[in-house]
């Protein structure tokens, strides 16, 4: 189960948070409104963070990247803009 927020209209913009304690999609919370004026903003809680289920096994950076690809596939998205903070940047 993946918790995420999706709002706005325009080109898809996926926001990936970092891995500090308490990290989640809310890292970008203050930016949602302004970004949603120009983009289809999608911000997931990565597995094991926020309100998303914990992964069954330890995820590497590549494993999280694979998760993002599968998540976007499930949303029917093939081309997106990625923004990542800290570890989210490495995943992006």
C-alpha atoms as a PDB file:
ATOM      1  CA  UNK A   1       0.000   0.000   0.000  1.00  0.00           C
ATOM      2  CA  UNK A   2       1.376   3.369  -1.049  1.00  0.00           C
ATOM      3  CA  UNK A   3       0.140   6.624   0.431  1.00  0.00           C
ATOM      4  CA  UNK A   4       0.439   9.580  -1.881  1.00  0.00           C
ATOM      5  CA  UNK A   5      -1.025  12.930  -2.743  1.00  0.00           C
ATOM      6  CA  UNK A   6      -1.927  13.972  -6.272  1.00  0.00           C
ATOM      7  CA  UNK A   7      -3.218  17.388  -7.188  1.00  0.00           C
ATOM      8  CA  UNK A   8      -3.147  19.986  -9.921  1.00  0.00           C
ATOM      9  CA  UNK A   9      -3.105  19.846 -13.692  1.00  0.00           C
ATOM     10  CA  UNK A  10      -0.331  19.918 -16.228  1.00  0.00           C
ATOM     11  CA  UNK A  11       2.816  17.912 -16.844  1.00  0.00           C
ATOM     12  CA  UNK A  12       3.410  15.236 -14.169  1.00  0.00           C
ATOM     13  CA  UNK A  13       5.847  16.297 -11.436  1.00  0.00           C
ATOM     14  CA  UNK A  14       6.886  13.564  -8.995  1.00  0.00           C
ATOM     15  CA  UNK A  15       8.352  14.656  -5.650  1.00  0.00           C
ATOM     16  CA  UNK A  16      10.540  12.157  -3.779  1.00  0.00           C
ATOM     17  CA  UNK A  17      11.395  12.840  -0.138  1.00  0.00           C
ATOM     18  CA  UNK A  18      14.604  12.069   1.745  1.00  0.00           C
ATOM     19  CA  UNK A  19      15.208   9.396   4.368  1.00  0.00           C
ATOM     20  CA  UNK A  20      15.518  11.284   7.647  1.00  0.00           C
ATOM     21  CA  UNK A  21      13.369  10.205  10.582  1.00  0.00           C
ATOM     22  CA  UNK A  22       9.807  11.340  10.016  1.00  0.00           C
ATOM     23  CA  UNK A  23      10.278  11.899   6.277  1.00  0.00           C
ATOM     24  CA  UNK A  24       7.224  11.652   4.062  1.00  0.00           C
ATOM     25  CA  UNK A  25       5.464  13.386   1.218  1.00  0.00           C
ATOM     26  CA  UNK A  26       4.770  16.202   3.684  1.00  0.00           C
ATOM     27  CA  UNK A  27       8.396  17.316   3.227  1.00  0.00           C
ATOM     28  CA  UNK A  28       7.021  19.124   0.182  1.00  0.00           C
ATOM     29  CA  UNK A  29       3.723  20.189   1.796  1.00  0.00           C
ATOM     30  CA  UNK A  30       4.263  23.967   1.555  1.00  0.00           C
ATOM     31  CA  UNK A  31       5.089  23.595  -2.149  1.00  0.00           C
ATOM     32  CA  UNK A  32       1.998  21.600  -3.152  1.00  0.00           C
ATOM     33  CA  UNK A  33      -0.258  24.602  -3.787  1.00  0.00           C
ATOM     34  CA  UNK A  34       2.119  26.697  -5.888  1.00  0.00           C
ATOM     35  CA  UNK A  35       3.351  23.683  -7.883  1.00  0.00           C
ATOM     36  CA  UNK A  36      -0.195  22.406  -8.490  1.00  0.00           C
ATOM     37  CA  UNK A  37      -0.962  25.640 -10.344  1.00  0.00           C
ATOM     38  CA  UNK A  38       1.304  24.444 -13.192  1.00  0.00           C
ATOM     39  CA  UNK A  39       1.804  20.693 -12.687  1.00  0.00           C
ATOM     40  CA  UNK A  40       0.084  17.411 -11.920  1.00  0.00           C
ATOM     41  CA  UNK A  41       1.893  17.013  -8.584  1.00  0.00           C
ATOM     42  CA  UNK A  42       2.411  13.459  -7.342  1.00  0.00           C
ATOM     43  CA  UNK A  43       4.140  12.926  -4.009  1.00  0.00           C
ATOM     44  CA  UNK A  44       4.320   9.389  -2.614  1.00  0.00           C
ATOM     45  CA  UNK A  45       5.419   8.253   0.802  1.00  0.00           C
ATOM     46  CA  UNK A  46       8.202   5.855  -0.173  1.00  0.00           C
ATOM     47  CA  UNK A  47       7.936   2.327   1.297  1.00  0.00           C
ATOM     48  CA  UNK A  48       8.625   2.360   5.028  1.00  0.00           C
ATOM     49  CA  UNK A  49       7.983   6.110   5.388  1.00  0.00           C
ATOM     50  CA  UNK A  50       4.950   8.201   6.227  1.00  0.00           C
ATOM     51  CA  UNK A  51       1.769   6.213   5.737  1.00  0.00           C
ATOM     52  CA  UNK A  52       3.089   3.712   3.184  1.00  0.00           C
ATOM     53  CA  UNK A  53       3.581   0.081   4.104  1.00  0.00           C
ATOM     54  CA  UNK A  54       7.076  -1.028   5.056  1.00  0.00           C
ATOM     55  CA  UNK A  55       8.948  -3.027   2.422  1.00  0.00           C
ATOM     56  CA  UNK A  56       9.166  -6.787   2.913  1.00  0.00           C
ATOM     57  CA  UNK A  57      12.944  -6.611   2.518  1.00  0.00           C
ATOM     58  CA  UNK A  58      15.604  -3.936   2.780  1.00  0.00           C
ATOM     59  CA  UNK A  59      15.460  -1.643  -0.248  1.00  0.00           C
ATOM     60  CA  UNK A  60      18.613  -0.355  -1.885  1.00  0.00           C
ATOM     61  CA  UNK A  61      18.638   2.891  -3.841  1.00  0.00           C
ATOM     62  CA  UNK A  62      18.115   0.816  -6.988  1.00  0.00           C
ATOM     63  CA  UNK A  63      15.257  -1.035  -5.268  1.00  0.00           C
ATOM     64  CA  UNK A  64      13.541   2.244  -4.430  1.00  0.00           C
ATOM     65  CA  UNK A  65      14.083   3.422  -8.019  1.00  0.00           C
ATOM     66  CA  UNK A  66      12.397   0.230  -9.221  1.00  0.00           C
ATOM     67  CA  UNK A  67       9.535   0.916  -6.812  1.00  0.00           C
ATOM     68  CA  UNK A  68       9.104   4.408  -8.317  1.00  0.00           C
ATOM     69  CA  UNK A  69       8.963   2.933 -11.833  1.00  0.00           C
ATOM     70  CA  UNK A  70       6.325   0.387 -10.754  1.00  0.00           C
ATOM     71  CA  UNK A  71       4.357   3.110  -8.913  1.00  0.00           C
ATOM     72  CA  UNK A  72       4.346   5.318 -12.008  1.00  0.00           C
ATOM     73  CA  UNK A  73       3.373   2.348 -14.184  1.00  0.00           C
ATOM     74  CA  UNK A  74       0.410   1.718 -11.866  1.00  0.00           C
ATOM     75  CA  UNK A  75      -0.653   5.346 -12.381  1.00  0.00           C
ATOM     76  CA  UNK A  76      -0.312   4.935 -16.148  1.00  0.00           C
ATOM     77  CA  UNK A  77       2.502   7.477 -16.421  1.00  0.00           C
ATOM     78  CA  UNK A  78       5.365   6.937 -18.853  1.00  0.00           C
ATOM     79  CA  UNK A  79       7.044  10.356 -18.850  1.00  0.00           C
ATOM     80  CA  UNK A  80       7.382  12.526 -15.736  1.00  0.00           C
ATOM     81  CA  UNK A  81       9.546  15.220 -14.196  1.00  0.00           C
ATOM     82  CA  UNK A  82      11.311  14.021 -11.047  1.00  0.00           C
ATOM     83  CA  UNK A  83      12.376  16.093  -8.059  1.00  0.00           C
ATOM     84  CA  UNK A  84      14.220  14.472  -5.193  1.00  0.00           C
ATOM     85  CA  UNK A  85      15.493  15.744  -1.868  1.00  0.00           C
ATOM     86  CA  UNK A  86      18.548  14.045  -0.338  1.00  0.00           C
ATOM     87  CA  UNK A  87      18.111  10.275  -0.808  1.00  0.00           C
ATOM     88  CA  UNK A  88      15.091  11.053  -2.991  1.00  0.00           C
ATOM     89  CA  UNK A  89      17.532  12.793  -5.346  1.00  0.00           C
ATOM     90  CA  UNK A  90      19.617   9.646  -5.607  1.00  0.00           C
ATOM     91  CA  UNK A  91      16.488   7.654  -6.371  1.00  0.00           C
ATOM     92  CA  UNK A  92      15.411  10.189  -9.020  1.00  0.00           C
END
